[in-house]
């Protein structure tokens, strides 16, 4: 289901990108559809590791709740890592990059807090 959700979000982003191009008077052909699809592909890619965590969770003896927490932990690690590497790639200092990673981790922490508060 995680990959399906990622794919639907990807399709929605591609559509929004193409609709925005159309609104500013740019023609939308198949080449632009392919470019938009490639540009938004990280949305689907981001779902792969958490989905893999869910697949291996029974092998680790985890029930549904434990599997959810494992997938969420993977998401947190991804958020931190991609923010860190993205900042470094953009020319940020190591300190700035770590701050970027921690800010993204804080966003994940908000999701964890909401999940815990709801008893999931």
Protein backbone atom coordinates (compact mmCIF):
# COMPACT_ATOMS: atom_id res chain seq x y z
CA UNK A 1 0.00 0.00 0.00
CA UNK A 2 2.93 2.32 0.70
CA UNK A 3 4.15 2.05 -2.89
CA UNK A 4 0.64 2.62 -4.21
CA UNK A 5 0.33 5.76 -2.09
CA UNK A 6 3.72 6.98 -3.30
CA UNK A 7 2.71 6.34 -6.90
CA UNK A 8 -0.59 8.21 -6.50
CA UNK A 9 1.21 11.19 -4.94
CA UNK A 10 3.74 11.05 -7.81
CA UNK A 11 0.93 11.09 -10.38
CA UNK A 12 -0.75 14.01 -8.59
CA UNK A 13 2.51 16.00 -8.61
CA UNK A 14 3.11 15.26 -12.28
CA UNK A 15 -0.44 16.36 -13.09
CA UNK A 16 -0.09 19.55 -11.03
CA UNK A 17 3.20 20.35 -12.76
CA UNK A 18 1.68 19.85 -16.19
CA UNK A 19 -1.45 21.85 -15.29
CA UNK A 20 0.75 24.70 -14.08
CA UNK A 21 2.67 24.67 -17.36
CA UNK A 22 -0.59 24.76 -19.29
CA UNK A 23 -1.86 27.68 -17.21
CA UNK A 24 1.16 29.82 -18.10
CA UNK A 25 0.58 29.12 -21.79
CA UNK A 26 3.27 26.50 -22.33
CA UNK A 27 2.32 23.62 -24.61
CA UNK A 28 2.24 20.23 -22.96
CA UNK A 29 3.45 17.36 -25.09
CA UNK A 30 4.66 13.86 -24.32
CA UNK A 31 8.22 15.09 -23.86
CA UNK A 32 7.07 17.42 -21.07
CA UNK A 33 5.01 14.61 -19.51
CA UNK A 34 8.12 12.41 -19.42
CA UNK A 35 10.25 15.24 -17.99
CA UNK A 36 7.66 15.94 -15.28
CA UNK A 37 7.45 12.23 -14.48
CA UNK A 38 11.22 11.97 -14.07
CA UNK A 39 11.40 15.21 -12.07
CA UNK A 40 8.83 13.92 -9.56
CA UNK A 41 10.16 10.34 -9.39
CA UNK A 42 11.83 10.85 -5.98
CA UNK A 43 8.31 10.76 -4.48
CA UNK A 44 7.99 7.10 -5.47
CA UNK A 45 11.61 6.35 -4.64
CA UNK A 46 11.09 7.66 -1.11
CA UNK A 47 8.47 4.97 -0.50
CA UNK A 48 10.74 2.05 -1.45
CA UNK A 49 12.83 1.73 1.74
CA UNK A 50 9.88 2.07 4.17
CA UNK A 51 8.00 -0.51 2.08
CA UNK A 52 11.02 -2.81 2.24
CA UNK A 53 11.05 -2.36 6.03
CA UNK A 54 7.44 -3.47 6.15
CA UNK A 55 8.22 -6.52 4.02
CA UNK A 56 11.08 -7.68 6.26
CA UNK A 57 9.32 -6.85 9.54
CA UNK A 58 7.75 -10.33 9.93
CA UNK A 59 11.23 -11.84 9.55
CA UNK A 60 12.27 -9.69 12.51
CA UNK A 61 9.33 -10.95 14.55
CA UNK A 62 7.48 -7.64 14.43
CA UNK A 63 3.72 -7.36 14.54
CA UNK A 64 1.75 -4.65 12.75
CA UNK A 65 2.57 -1.97 15.32
CA UNK A 66 6.28 -2.80 15.36
CA UNK A 67 6.33 -2.85 11.56
CA UNK A 68 4.79 0.62 11.49
CA UNK A 69 7.39 1.94 13.90
CA UNK A 70 10.18 0.33 11.88
CA UNK A 71 8.93 1.93 8.67
CA UNK A 72 8.61 5.28 10.42
CA UNK A 73 12.17 4.94 11.72
CA UNK A 74 13.37 4.31 8.18
CA UNK A 75 11.49 7.41 7.04
CA UNK A 76 13.22 9.45 9.76
CA UNK A 77 16.63 8.20 8.70
CA UNK A 78 15.82 8.99 5.08
CA UNK A 79 14.62 12.49 5.89
CA UNK A 80 17.73 13.26 7.88
CA UNK A 81 20.10 11.75 5.31
CA UNK A 82 18.58 13.37 2.23
CA UNK A 83 18.42 16.76 3.93
CA UNK A 84 22.04 16.43 5.02
CA UNK A 85 23.31 15.29 1.62
CA UNK A 86 21.14 17.80 -0.23
CA UNK A 87 22.50 20.66 1.85
CA UNK A 88 26.09 19.50 1.36
CA UNK A 89 25.50 19.15 -2.38
CA UNK A 90 24.12 22.71 -2.46
CA UNK A 91 27.32 24.01 -0.88
CA UNK A 92 26.26 24.29 2.76
CA UNK A 93 28.84 23.94 5.49
CA UNK A 94 28.83 20.73 7.53
CA UNK A 95 27.21 22.60 10.42
CA UNK A 96 24.48 23.97 8.16
CA UNK A 97 23.93 20.54 6.65
CA UNK A 98 23.53 18.92 10.07
CA UNK A 99 21.06 21.65 11.04
CA UNK A 100 19.09 20.94 7.84
CA UNK A 101 19.05 17.25 8.72
CA UNK A 102 17.90 17.96 12.27
CA UNK A 103 15.12 20.28 11.09
CA UNK A 104 13.84 17.50 8.83
CA UNK A 105 14.14 15.04 11.70
CA UNK A 106 12.07 17.44 13.81
CA UNK A 107 9.28 17.22 11.24
CA UNK A 108 9.38 13.43 11.48
CA UNK A 109 9.33 13.78 15.28
CA UNK A 110 6.05 15.68 14.98
CA UNK A 111 4.59 12.73 13.09
CA UNK A 112 5.94 10.33 15.73
CA UNK A 113 4.40 12.47 18.50
CA UNK A 114 1.04 12.47 16.73
CA UNK A 115 1.25 8.71 16.20
CA UNK A 116 2.08 8.14 19.87
CA UNK A 117 -0.64 10.53 21.06
CA UNK A 118 -3.22 8.65 18.98
CA UNK A 119 -2.05 5.34 20.42
CA UNK A 120 -0.88 3.83 17.15
